[in-house]
Amino acid sequence: IVVVAQAGSAKERELASTGGSSAGVAEFDLRKGLAIAVFSGVMSGCF
């Protein structure tokens, strides 16, 4: 999962550098993002 996620991030960076799409996370917020990610991950596993 981590390797695939890293590959996806690398693809976005490459596309941004060639004008294909934006790889930057315009609203990057580590504290808020990690809190939401933990909530989402835990809740999704509830199935």
ModelCIF file with pLDDT and N, C-alpha, C, O atoms, coordinates in Angstrom:
data_MODEL
#
_entry.id   MODEL 
#
_entity.id                         1 
_entity.type                       polymer 
_entity.pdbx_number_of_molecules   1 
#
_entity_poly.entity_id                      1 
_entity_poly.type                           'polypeptide(L)' 
_entity_poly.nstd_linkage                   no 
_entity_poly.nstd_monomer                   no 
_entity_poly.pdbx_seq_one_letter_code       IVVVAQAGSAKERELASTGGSSAGVAEFDLRKGLAIAVFSGVMSGCF 
_entity_poly.pdbx_seq_one_letter_code_can   IVVVAQAGSAKERELASTGGSSAGVAEFDLRKGLAIAVFSGVMSGCF 
_entity_poly.pdbx_strand_id                 A 
#
loop_
_entity_poly_seq.entity_id 
_entity_poly_seq.num 
_entity_poly_seq.mon_id 
_entity_poly_seq.hetero 
1 1  ILE n 
1 2  VAL n 
1 3  VAL n 
1 4  VAL n 
1 5  ALA n 
1 6  GLN n 
1 7  ALA n 
1 8  GLY n 
1 9  SER n 
1 10 ALA n 
1 11 LYS n 
1 12 GLU n 
1 13 ARG n 
1 14 GLU n 
1 15 LEU n 
1 16 ALA n 
1 17 SER n 
1 18 THR n 
1 19 GLY n 
1 20 GLY n 
1 21 SER n 
1 22 SER n 
1 23 ALA n 
1 24 GLY n 
1 25 VAL n 
1 26 ALA n 
1 27 GLU n 
1 28 PHE n 
1 29 ASP n 
1 30 LEU n 
1 31 ARG n 
1 32 LYS n 
1 33 GLY n 
1 34 LEU n 
1 35 ALA n 
1 36 ILE n 
1 37 ALA n 
1 38 VAL n 
1 39 PHE n 
1 40 SER n 
1 41 GLY n 
1 42 VAL n 
1 43 MET n 
1 44 SER n 
1 45 GLY n 
1 46 CYS n 
1 47 PHE n 
#
_struct_asym.id          A 
_struct_asym.entity_id   1 
#
loop_
_ma_qa_metric.id 
_ma_qa_metric.mode 
_ma_qa_metric.name 
_ma_qa_metric.software_group_id 
_ma_qa_metric.type 
1 global pLDDT . pLDDT 
2 local  pLDDT . pLDDT 
#
_ma_qa_metric_global.metric_id      1 
_ma_qa_metric_global.metric_value   74.19 
_ma_qa_metric_global.model_id       1 
_ma_qa_metric_global.ordinal_id     1 
#
loop_
_ma_qa_metric_local.label_asym_id 
_ma_qa_metric_local.label_comp_id 
_ma_qa_metric_local.label_seq_id 
_ma_qa_metric_local.metric_id 
_ma_qa_metric_local.metric_value 
_ma_qa_metric_local.model_id 
_ma_qa_metric_local.ordinal_id 
A ILE 1  2 83.00 1 1  
A VAL 2  2 84.00 1 2  
A VAL 3  2 86.00 1 3  
A VAL 4  2 83.00 1 4  
A ALA 5  2 80.00 1 5  
A GLN 6  2 83.00 1 6  
A ALA 7  2 83.00 1 7  
A GLY 8  2 79.00 1 8  
A SER 9  2 77.00 1 9  
A ALA 10 2 82.00 1 10 
A LYS 11 2 79.00 1 11 
A GLU 12 2 73.00 1 12 
A ARG 13 2 78.00 1 13 
A GLU 14 2 79.00 1 14 
A LEU 15 2 72.00 1 15 
A ALA 16 2 71.00 1 16 
A SER 17 2 73.00 1 17 
A THR 18 2 68.00 1 18 
A GLY 19 2 59.00 1 19 
A GLY 20 2 53.00 1 20 
A SER 21 2 48.00 1 21 
A SER 22 2 43.00 1 22 
A ALA 23 2 44.00 1 23 
A GLY 24 2 49.00 1 24 
A VAL 25 2 51.00 1 25 
A ALA 26 2 57.00 1 26 
A GLU 27 2 65.00 1 27 
A PHE 28 2 59.00 1 28 
A ASP 29 2 70.00 1 29 
A LEU 30 2 64.00 1 30 
A ARG 31 2 78.00 1 31 
A LYS 32 2 80.00 1 32 
A GLY 33 2 75.00 1 33 
A LEU 34 2 75.00 1 34 
A ALA 35 2 84.00 1 35 
A ILE 36 2 84.00 1 36 
A ALA 37 2 80.00 1 37 
A VAL 38 2 81.00 1 38 
A PHE 39 2 89.00 1 39 
A SER 40 2 85.00 1 40 
A GLY 41 2 81.00 1 41 
A VAL 42 2 82.00 1 42 
A MET 43 2 89.00 1 43 
A SER 44 2 85.00 1 44 
A GLY 45 2 84.00 1 45 
A CYS 46 2 90.00 1 46 
A PHE 47 2 90.00 1 47 
#
loop_
_atom_site.group_PDB 
_atom_site.id 
_atom_site.type_symbol 
_atom_site.label_atom_id 
_atom_site.label_alt_id 
_atom_site.label_comp_id 
_atom_site.label_asym_id 
_atom_site.label_entity_id 
_atom_site.label_seq_id 
_atom_site.pdbx_PDB_ins_code 
_atom_site.Cartn_x 
_atom_site.Cartn_y 
_atom_site.Cartn_z 
_atom_site.occupancy 
_atom_site.B_iso_or_equiv 
_atom_site.pdbx_formal_charge 
_atom_site.auth_seq_id 
_atom_site.auth_comp_id 
_atom_site.auth_asym_id 
_atom_site.auth_atom_id 
_atom_site.pdbx_PDB_model_num 
ATOM 1   N N  . ILE A 1 1  ? 0.838   -1.203 0.000   1.00 83.00 ? 1  ILE A N  1 
ATOM 2   C CA . ILE A 1 1  ? 0.000   0.000  0.000   1.00 83.00 ? 1  ILE A CA 1 
ATOM 3   C C  . ILE A 1 1  ? 0.870   1.250  0.000   1.00 83.00 ? 1  ILE A C  1 
ATOM 4   O O  . ILE A 1 1  ? 0.607   2.193  -0.746  1.00 83.00 ? 1  ILE A O  1 
ATOM 5   N N  . VAL A 1 2  ? 1.902   1.259  0.833   1.00 84.00 ? 2  VAL A N  1 
ATOM 6   C CA . VAL A 1 2  ? 2.793   2.419  0.911   1.00 84.00 ? 2  VAL A CA 1 
ATOM 7   C C  . VAL A 1 2  ? 3.517   2.635  -0.413  1.00 84.00 ? 2  VAL A C  1 
ATOM 8   O O  . VAL A 1 2  ? 3.653   3.771  -0.866  1.00 84.00 ? 2  VAL A O  1 
ATOM 9   N N  . VAL A 1 3  ? 3.980   1.557  -1.036  1.00 86.00 ? 3  VAL A N  1 
ATOM 10  C CA . VAL A 1 3  ? 4.707   1.680  -2.309  1.00 86.00 ? 3  VAL A CA 1 
ATOM 11  C C  . VAL A 1 3  ? 3.795   2.229  -3.402  1.00 86.00 ? 3  VAL A C  1 
ATOM 12  O O  . VAL A 1 3  ? 4.203   3.107  -4.163  1.00 86.00 ? 3  VAL A O  1 
ATOM 13  N N  . VAL A 1 4  ? 2.563   1.722  -3.487  1.00 83.00 ? 4  VAL A N  1 
ATOM 14  C CA . VAL A 1 4  ? 1.625   2.223  -4.497  1.00 83.00 ? 4  VAL A CA 1 
ATOM 15  C C  . VAL A 1 4  ? 1.307   3.697  -4.241  1.00 83.00 ? 4  VAL A C  1 
ATOM 16  O O  . VAL A 1 4  ? 1.232   4.490  -5.180  1.00 83.00 ? 4  VAL A O  1 
ATOM 17  N N  . ALA A 1 5  ? 1.121   4.064  -2.966  1.00 80.00 ? 5  ALA A N  1 
ATOM 18  C CA . ALA A 1 5  ? 0.846   5.458  -2.635  1.00 80.00 ? 5  ALA A CA 1 
ATOM 19  C C  . ALA A 1 5  ? 2.006   6.353  -3.027  1.00 80.00 ? 5  ALA A C  1 
ATOM 20  O O  . ALA A 1 5  ? 1.791   7.445  -3.552  1.00 80.00 ? 5  ALA A O  1 
ATOM 21  N N  . GLN A 1 6  ? 3.236   5.911  -2.780  1.00 83.00 ? 6  GLN A N  1 
ATOM 22  C CA . GLN A 1 6  ? 4.417   6.695  -3.153  1.00 83.00 ? 6  GLN A CA 1 
ATOM 23  C C  . GLN A 1 6  ? 4.499   6.855  -4.665  1.00 83.00 ? 6  GLN A C  1 
ATOM 24  O O  . GLN A 1 6  ? 4.856   7.923  -5.162  1.00 83.00 ? 6  GLN A O  1 
ATOM 25  N N  . ALA A 1 7  ? 4.168   5.794  -5.395  1.00 83.00 ? 7  ALA A N  1 
ATOM 26  C CA . ALA A 1 7  ? 4.185   5.872  -6.859  1.00 83.00 ? 7  ALA A CA 1 
ATOM 27  C C  . ALA A 1 7  ? 3.152   6.881  -7.354  1.00 83.00 ? 7  ALA A C  1 
ATOM 28  O O  . ALA A 1 7  ? 3.426   7.653  -8.273  1.00 83.00 ? 7  ALA A O  1 
ATOM 29  N N  . GLY A 1 8  ? 1.960   6.876  -6.744  1.00 79.00 ? 8  GLY A N  1 
ATOM 30  C CA . GLY A 1 8  ? 0.935   7.839  -7.130  1.00 79.00 ? 8  GLY A CA 1 
ATOM 31  C C  . GLY A 1 8  ? 1.372   9.264  -6.879  1.00 79.00 ? 8  GLY A C  1 
ATOM 32  O O  . GLY A 1 8  ? 1.114   10.153 -7.691  1.00 79.00 ? 8  GLY A O  1 
ATOM 33  N N  . SER A 1 9  ? 2.036   9.486  -5.751  1.00 77.00 ? 9  SER A N  1 
ATOM 34  C CA . SER A 1 9  ? 2.541   10.822 -5.452  1.00 77.00 ? 9  SER A CA 1 
ATOM 35  C C  . SER A 1 9  ? 3.613   11.244 -6.449  1.00 77.00 ? 9  SER A C  1 
ATOM 36  O O  . SER A 1 9  ? 3.634   12.394 -6.889  1.00 77.00 ? 9  SER A O  1 
ATOM 37  N N  . ALA A 1 10 ? 4.511   10.314 -6.811  1.00 82.00 ? 10 ALA A N  1 
ATOM 38  C CA . ALA A 1 10 ? 5.565   10.622 -7.780  1.00 82.00 ? 10 ALA A CA 1 
ATOM 39  C C  . ALA A 1 10 ? 4.967   10.967 -9.142  1.00 82.00 ? 10 ALA A C  1 
ATOM 40  O O  . ALA A 1 10 ? 5.449   11.868 -9.829  1.00 82.00 ? 10 ALA A O  1 
ATOM 41  N N  . LYS A 1 11 ? 3.911   10.244 -9.529  1.00 79.00 ? 11 LYS A N  1 
ATOM 42  C CA . LYS A 1 11 ? 3.251   10.535 -10.817 1.00 79.00 ? 11 LYS A CA 1 
ATOM 43  C C  . LYS A 1 11 ? 2.682   11.941 -10.829 1.00 79.00 ? 11 LYS A C  1 
ATOM 44  O O  . LYS A 1 11 ? 2.830   12.663 -11.815 1.00 79.00 ? 11 LYS A O  1 
ATOM 45  N N  . GLU A 1 12 ? 2.035   12.334 -9.747  1.00 73.00 ? 12 GLU A N  1 
ATOM 46  C CA . GLU A 1 12 ? 1.456   13.671 -9.677  1.00 73.00 ? 12 GLU A CA 1 
ATOM 47  C C  . GLU A 1 12 ? 2.527   14.749 -9.752  1.00 73.00 ? 12 GLU A C  1 
ATOM 48  O O  . GLU A 1 12 ? 2.328   15.772 -10.408 1.00 73.00 ? 12 GLU A O  1 
ATOM 49  N N  . ARG A 1 13 ? 3.661   14.534 -9.089  1.00 78.00 ? 13 ARG A N  1 
ATOM 50  C CA . ARG A 1 13 ? 4.756   15.514 -9.141  1.00 78.00 ? 13 ARG A CA 1 
ATOM 51  C C  . ARG A 1 13 ? 5.300   15.644 -10.555 1.00 78.00 ? 13 ARG A C  1 
ATOM 52  O O  . ARG A 1 13 ? 5.595   16.745 -11.020 1.00 78.00 ? 13 ARG A O  1 
ATOM 53  N N  . GLU A 1 14 ? 5.430   14.512 -11.232 1.00 79.00 ? 14 GLU A N  1 
ATOM 54  C CA . GLU A 1 14 ? 5.970   14.538 -12.602 1.00 79.00 ? 14 GLU A CA 1 
ATOM 55  C C  . GLU A 1 14 ? 5.016   15.242 -13.560 1.00 79.00 ? 14 GLU A C  1 
ATOM 56  O O  . GLU A 1 14 ? 5.448   16.007 -14.422 1.00 79.00 ? 14 GLU A O  1 
ATOM 57  N N  . LEU A 1 15 ? 3.713   14.982 -13.408 1.00 72.00 ? 15 LEU A N  1 
ATOM 58  C CA . LEU A 1 15 ? 2.744   15.640 -14.265 1.00 72.00 ? 15 LEU A CA 1 
ATOM 59  C C  . LEU A 1 15 ? 2.727   17.144 -14.026 1.00 72.00 ? 15 LEU A C  1 
ATOM 60  O O  . LEU A 1 15 ? 2.573   17.928 -14.962 1.00 72.00 ? 15 LEU A O  1 
ATOM 61  N N  . ALA A 1 16 ? 2.884   17.541 -12.770 1.00 71.00 ? 16 ALA A N  1 
ATOM 62  C CA . ALA A 1 16 ? 2.894   18.968 -12.457 1.00 71.00 ? 16 ALA A CA 1 
ATOM 63  C C  . ALA A 1 16 ? 4.114   19.650 -13.067 1.00 71.00 ? 16 ALA A C  1 
ATOM 64  O O  . ALA A 1 16 ? 4.021   20.785 -13.535 1.00 71.00 ? 16 ALA A O  1 
ATOM 65  N N  . SER A 1 17 ? 5.249   18.971 -13.064 1.00 73.00 ? 17 SER A N  1 
ATOM 66  C CA . SER A 1 17 ? 6.475   19.578 -13.586 1.00 73.00 ? 17 SER A CA 1 
ATOM 67  C C  . SER A 1 17 ? 6.433   19.764 -15.095 1.00 73.00 ? 17 SER A C  1 
ATOM 68  O O  . SER A 1 17 ? 7.165   20.585 -15.647 1.00 73.00 ? 17 SER A O  1 
ATOM 69  N N  . THR A 1 18 ? 5.562   18.990 -15.767 1.00 68.00 ? 18 THR A N  1 
ATOM 70  C CA . THR A 1 18 ? 5.444   19.111 -17.224 1.00 68.00 ? 18 THR A CA 1 
ATOM 71  C C  . THR A 1 18 ? 4.158   19.833 -17.631 1.00 68.00 ? 18 THR A C  1 
ATOM 72  O O  . THR A 1 18 ? 3.818   19.895 -18.813 1.00 68.00 ? 18 THR A O  1 
ATOM 73  N N  . GLY A 1 19 ? 3.444   20.379 -16.633 1.00 59.00 ? 19 GLY A N  1 
ATOM 74  C CA . GLY A 1 19 ? 2.206   21.098 -16.925 1.00 59.00 ? 19 GLY A CA 1 
ATOM 75  C C  . GLY A 1 19 ? 1.008   20.202 -17.081 1.00 59.00 ? 19 GLY A C  1 
ATOM 76  O O  . GLY A 1 19 ? -0.047  20.665 -17.515 1.00 59.00 ? 19 GLY A O  1 
ATOM 77  N N  . GLY A 1 20 ? 1.133   18.907 -16.736 1.00 53.00 ? 20 GLY A N  1 
ATOM 78  C CA . GLY A 1 20 ? 0.016   17.974 -16.924 1.00 53.00 ? 20 GLY A CA 1 
ATOM 79  C C  . GLY A 1 20 ? -1.083  18.132 -15.894 1.00 53.00 ? 20 GLY A C  1 
ATOM 80  O O  . GLY A 1 20 ? -2.266  18.061 -16.225 1.00 53.00 ? 20 GLY A O  1 
ATOM 81  N N  . SER A 1 21 ? -0.700  18.344 -14.653 1.00 48.00 ? 21 SER A N  1 
ATOM 82  C CA . SER A 1 21 ? -1.683  18.560 -13.581 1.00 48.00 ? 21 SER A CA 1 
ATOM 83  C C  . SER A 1 21 ? -0.949  19.117 -12.385 1.00 48.00 ? 21 SER A C  1 
ATOM 84  O O  . SER A 1 21 ? 0.279   19.192 -12.381 1.00 48.00 ? 21 SER A O  1 
ATOM 85  N N  . SER A 1 22 ? -1.679  19.499 -11.393 1.00 43.00 ? 22 SER A N  1 
ATOM 86  C CA . SER A 1 22 ? -1.060  20.070 -10.201 1.00 43.00 ? 22 SER A CA 1 
ATOM 87  C C  . SER A 1 22 ? -0.816  19.000 -9.164  1.00 43.00 ? 22 SER A C  1 
ATOM 88  O O  . SER A 1 22 ? -1.734  18.308 -8.724  1.00 43.00 ? 22 SER A O  1 
ATOM 89  N N  . ALA A 1 23 ? 0.484   18.875 -8.772  1.00 44.00 ? 23 ALA A N  1 
ATOM 90  C CA . ALA A 1 23 ? 0.805   17.856 -7.775  1.00 44.00 ? 23 ALA A CA 1 
ATOM 91  C C  . ALA A 1 23 ? 0.861   18.419 -6.383  1.00 44.00 ? 23 ALA A C  1 
ATOM 92  O O  . ALA A 1 23 ? 0.772   17.677 -5.405  1.00 44.00 ? 23 ALA A O  1 
ATOM 93  N N  . GLY A 1 24 ? 1.010   19.734 -6.278  1.00 49.00 ? 24 GLY A N  1 
ATOM 94  C CA . GLY A 1 24 ? 1.087   20.342 -4.969  1.00 49.00 ? 24 GLY A CA 1 
ATOM 95  C C  . GLY A 1 24 ? -0.219  20.184 -4.227  1.00 49.00 ? 24 GLY A C  1 
ATOM 96  O O  . GLY A 1 24 ? -1.289  20.185 -4.835  1.00 49.00 ? 24 GLY A O  1 
ATOM 97  N N  . VAL A 1 25 ? -0.140  20.049 -2.924  1.00 51.00 ? 25 VAL A N  1 
ATOM 98  C CA . VAL A 1 25 ? -1.337  19.964 -2.100  1.00 51.00 ? 25 VAL A CA 1 
ATOM 99  C C  . VAL A 1 25 ? -1.631  21.378 -1.631  1.00 51.00 ? 25 VAL A C  1 
ATOM 100 O O  . VAL A 1 25 ? -1.072  21.827 -0.630  1.00 51.00 ? 25 VAL A O  1 
ATOM 101 N N  . ALA A 1 26 ? -2.496  22.082 -2.338  1.00 57.00 ? 26 ALA A N  1 
ATOM 102 C CA . ALA A 1 26 ? -2.724  23.504 -2.088  1.00 57.00 ? 26 ALA A CA 1 
ATOM 103 C C  . ALA A 1 26 ? -3.180  23.765 -0.656  1.00 57.00 ? 26 ALA A C  1 
ATOM 104 O O  . ALA A 1 26 ? -2.840  24.795 -0.074  1.00 57.00 ? 26 ALA A O  1 
ATOM 105 N N  . GLU A 1 27 ? -3.956  22.830 -0.080  1.00 65.00 ? 27 GLU A N  1 
ATOM 106 C CA . GLU A 1 27 ? -4.481  23.031 1.270   1.00 65.00 ? 27 GLU A CA 1 
ATOM 107 C C  . GLU A 1 27 ? -3.780  22.124 2.277   1.00 65.00 ? 27 GLU A C  1 
ATOM 108 O O  . GLU A 1 27 ? -4.391  21.702 3.258   1.00 65.00 ? 27 GLU A O  1 
ATOM 109 N N  . PHE A 1 28 ? -2.507  21.822 2.044   1.00 59.00 ? 28 PHE A N  1 
ATOM 110 C CA . PHE A 1 28 ? -1.782  20.899 2.917   1.00 59.00 ? 28 PHE A CA 1 
ATOM 111 C C  . PHE A 1 28 ? -1.827  21.384 4.360   1.00 59.00 ? 28 PHE A C  1 
ATOM 112 O O  . PHE A 1 28 ? -1.498  22.533 4.652   1.00 59.00 ? 28 PHE A O  1 
ATOM 113 N N  . ASP A 1 29 ? -2.235  20.501 5.248   1.00 70.00 ? 29 ASP A N  1 
ATOM 114 C CA . ASP A 1 29 ? -2.316  20.794 6.675   1.00 70.00 ? 29 ASP A CA 1 
ATOM 115 C C  . ASP A 1 29 ? -2.047  19.488 7.407   1.00 70.00 ? 29 ASP A C  1 
ATOM 116 O O  . ASP A 1 29 ? -2.936  18.646 7.533   1.00 70.00 ? 29 ASP A O  1 
ATOM 117 N N  . LEU A 1 30 ? -0.819  19.320 7.890   1.00 64.00 ? 30 LEU A N  1 
ATOM 118 C CA . LEU A 1 30 ? -0.408  18.040 8.468   1.00 64.00 ? 30 LEU A CA 1 
ATOM 119 C C  . LEU A 1 30 ? -1.249  17.663 9.677   1.00 64.00 ? 30 LEU A C  1 
ATOM 120 O O  . LEU A 1 30 ? -1.721  16.531 9.780   1.00 64.00 ? 30 LEU A O  1 
ATOM 121 N N  . ARG A 1 31 ? -1.438  18.609 10.594  1.00 78.00 ? 31 ARG A N  1 
ATOM 122 C CA . ARG A 1 31 ? -2.172  18.281 11.811  1.00 78.00 ? 31 ARG A CA 1 
ATOM 123 C C  . ARG A 1 31 ? -3.627  17.916 11.492  1.00 78.00 ? 31 ARG A C  1 
ATOM 124 O O  . ARG A 1 31 ? -4.128  16.884 11.940  1.00 78.00 ? 31 ARG A O  1 
ATOM 125 N N  . LYS A 1 32 ? -4.291  18.764 10.721  1.00 80.00 ? 32 LYS A N  1 
ATOM 126 C CA . LYS A 1 32 ? -5.682  18.489 10.364  1.00 80.00 ? 32 LYS A CA 1 
ATOM 127 C C  . LYS A 1 32 ? -5.782  17.233 9.498   1.00 80.00 ? 32 LYS A C  1 
ATOM 128 O O  . LYS A 1 32 ? -6.673  16.406 9.690   1.00 80.00 ? 32 LYS A O  1 
ATOM 129 N N  . GLY A 1 33 ? -4.846  17.100 8.531   1.00 75.00 ? 33 GLY A N  1 
ATOM 130 C CA . GLY A 1 33 ? -4.879  15.956 7.621   1.00 75.00 ? 33 GLY A CA 1 
ATOM 131 C C  . GLY A 1 33 ? -4.678  14.636 8.340   1.00 75.00 ? 33 GLY A C  1 
ATOM 132 O O  . GLY A 1 33 ? -5.381  13.664 8.062   1.00 75.00 ? 33 GLY A O  1 
ATOM 133 N N  . LEU A 1 34 ? -3.721  14.591 9.265   1.00 75.00 ? 34 LEU A N  1 
ATOM 134 C CA . LEU A 1 34 ? -3.481  13.349 10.002  1.00 75.00 ? 34 LEU A CA 1 
ATOM 135 C C  . LEU A 1 34 ? -4.676  12.995 10.888  1.00 75.00 ? 34 LEU A C  1 
ATOM 136 O O  . LEU A 1 34 ? -5.036  11.825 11.015  1.00 75.00 ? 34 LEU A O  1 
ATOM 137 N N  . ALA A 1 35 ? -5.285  14.008 11.496  1.00 84.00 ? 35 ALA A N  1 
ATOM 138 C CA . ALA A 1 35 ? -6.455  13.749 12.342  1.00 84.00 ? 35 ALA A CA 1 
ATOM 139 C C  . ALA A 1 35 ? -7.591  13.146 11.515  1.00 84.00 ? 35 ALA A C  1 
ATOM 140 O O  . ALA A 1 35 ? -8.233  12.183 11.933  1.00 84.00 ? 35 ALA A O  1 
ATOM 141 N N  . ILE A 1 36 ? -7.830  13.731 10.330  1.00 84.00 ? 36 ILE A N  1 
ATOM 142 C CA . ILE A 1 36 ? -8.900  13.220 9.471   1.00 84.00 ? 36 ILE A CA 1 
ATOM 143 C C  . ILE A 1 36 ? -8.539  11.841 8.928   1.00 84.00 ? 36 ILE A C  1 
ATOM 144 O O  . ILE A 1 36 ? -9.402  10.967 8.838   1.00 84.00 ? 36 ILE A O  1 
ATOM 145 N N  . ALA A 1 37 ? -7.265  11.634 8.562   1.00 80.00 ? 37 ALA A N  1 
ATOM 146 C CA . ALA A 1 37 ? -6.831  10.345 8.029   1.00 80.00 ? 37 ALA A CA 1 
ATOM 147 C C  . ALA A 1 37 ? -6.995  9.238  9.061   1.00 80.00 ? 37 ALA A C  1 
ATOM 148 O O  . ALA A 1 37 ? -7.441  8.137  8.736   1.00 80.00 ? 37 ALA A O  1 
ATOM 149 N N  . VAL A 1 38 ? -6.634  9.535  10.305  1.00 81.00 ? 38 VAL A N  1 
ATOM 150 C CA . VAL A 1 38 ? -6.796  8.540  11.369  1.00 81.00 ? 38 VAL A CA 1 
ATOM 151 C C  . VAL A 1 38 ? -8.284  8.230  11.569  1.00 81.00 ? 38 VAL A C  1 
ATOM 152 O O  . VAL A 1 38 ? -8.670  7.068  11.697  1.00 81.00 ? 38 VAL A O  1 
ATOM 153 N N  . PHE A 1 39 ? -9.110  9.274  11.593  1.00 89.00 ? 39 PHE A N  1 
ATOM 154 C CA . PHE A 1 39 ? -10.559 9.074  11.744  1.00 89.00 ? 39 PHE A CA 1 
ATOM 155 C C  . PHE A 1 39 ? -11.112 8.244  10.594  1.00 89.00 ? 39 PHE A C  1 
ATOM 156 O O  . PHE A 1 39 ? -11.850 7.284  10.816  1.00 89.00 ? 39 PHE A O  1 
ATOM 157 N N  . SER A 1 40 ? -10.751 8.614  9.351   1.00 85.00 ? 40 SER A N  1 
ATOM 158 C CA . SER A 1 40 ? -11.243 7.900  8.173   1.00 85.00 ? 40 SER A CA 1 
ATOM 159 C C  . SER A 1 40 ? -10.780 6.454  8.160   1.00 85.00 ? 40 SER A C  1 
ATOM 160 O O  . SER A 1 40 ? -11.561 5.546  7.875   1.00 85.00 ? 40 SER A O  1 
ATOM 161 N N  . GLY A 1 41 ? -9.496  6.242  8.472   1.00 81.00 ? 41 GLY A N  1 
ATOM 162 C CA . GLY A 1 41 ? -8.960  4.888  8.456   1.00 81.00 ? 41 GLY A CA 1 
ATOM 163 C C  . GLY A 1 41 ? -9.603  3.990  9.487   1.00 81.00 ? 41 GLY A C  1 
ATOM 164 O O  . GLY A 1 41 ? -9.938  2.840  9.201   1.00 81.00 ? 41 GLY A O  1 
ATOM 165 N N  . VAL A 1 42 ? -9.778  4.519  10.697  1.00 82.00 ? 42 VAL A N  1 
ATOM 166 C CA . VAL A 1 42 ? -10.385 3.727  11.766  1.00 82.00 ? 42 VAL A CA 1 
ATOM 167 C C  . VAL A 1 42 ? -11.853 3.433  11.452  1.00 82.00 ? 42 VAL A C  1 
ATOM 168 O O  . VAL A 1 42 ? -12.309 2.299  11.595  1.00 82.00 ? 42 VAL A O  1 
ATOM 169 N N  . MET A 1 43 ? -12.591 4.466  11.023  1.00 89.00 ? 43 MET A N  1 
ATOM 170 C CA . MET A 1 43 ? -14.013 4.284  10.725  1.00 89.00 ? 43 MET A CA 1 
ATOM 171 C C  . MET A 1 43 ? -14.228 3.329  9.539   1.00 89.00 ? 43 MET A C  1 
ATOM 172 O O  . MET A 1 43 ? -15.147 2.511  9.563   1.00 89.00 ? 43 MET A O  1 
ATOM 173 N N  . SER A 1 44 ? -13.389 3.431  8.512   1.00 85.00 ? 44 SER A N  1 
ATOM 174 C CA . SER A 1 44 ? -13.549 2.559  7.348   1.00 85.00 ? 44 SER A CA 1 
ATOM 175 C C  . SER A 1 44 ? -13.330 1.098  7.714   1.00 85.00 ? 44 SER A C  1 
ATOM 176 O O  . SER A 1 44 ? -13.960 0.207  7.144   1.00 85.00 ? 44 SER A O  1 
ATOM 177 N N  . GLY A 1 45 ? -12.436 0.857  8.665   1.00 84.00 ? 45 GLY A N  1 
ATOM 178 C CA . GLY A 1 45 ? -12.200 -0.513 9.105   1.00 84.00 ? 45 GLY A CA 1 
ATOM 179 C C  . GLY A 1 45 ? -13.343 -1.105 9.902   1.00 84.00 ? 45 GLY A C  1 
ATOM 180 O O  . GLY A 1 45 ? -13.361 -2.307 10.165  1.00 84.00 ? 45 GLY A O  1 
ATOM 181 N N  . CYS A 1 46 ? -14.314 -0.257 10.297  1.00 90.00 ? 46 CYS A N  1 
ATOM 182 C CA . CYS A 1 46 ? -15.447 -0.733 11.100  1.00 90.00 ? 46 CYS A CA 1 
ATOM 183 C C  . CYS A 1 46 ? -16.345 -1.700 10.331  1.00 90.00 ? 46 CYS A C  1 
ATOM 184 O O  . CYS A 1 46 ? -17.100 -2.458 10.939  1.00 90.00 ? 46 CYS A O  1 
ATOM 185 N N  . PHE A 1 47 ? -16.270 -1.680 8.996   1.00 90.00 ? 47 PHE A N  1 
ATOM 186 C CA . PHE A 1 47 ? -17.104 -2.596 8.225   1.00 90.00 ? 47 PHE A CA 1 
ATOM 187 C C  . PHE A 1 47 ? -16.799 -4.041 8.610   1.00 90.00 ? 47 PHE A C  1 
ATOM 188 O O  . PHE A 1 47 ? -17.403 -4.966 8.067   1.00 90.00 ? 47 PHE A O  1 
#
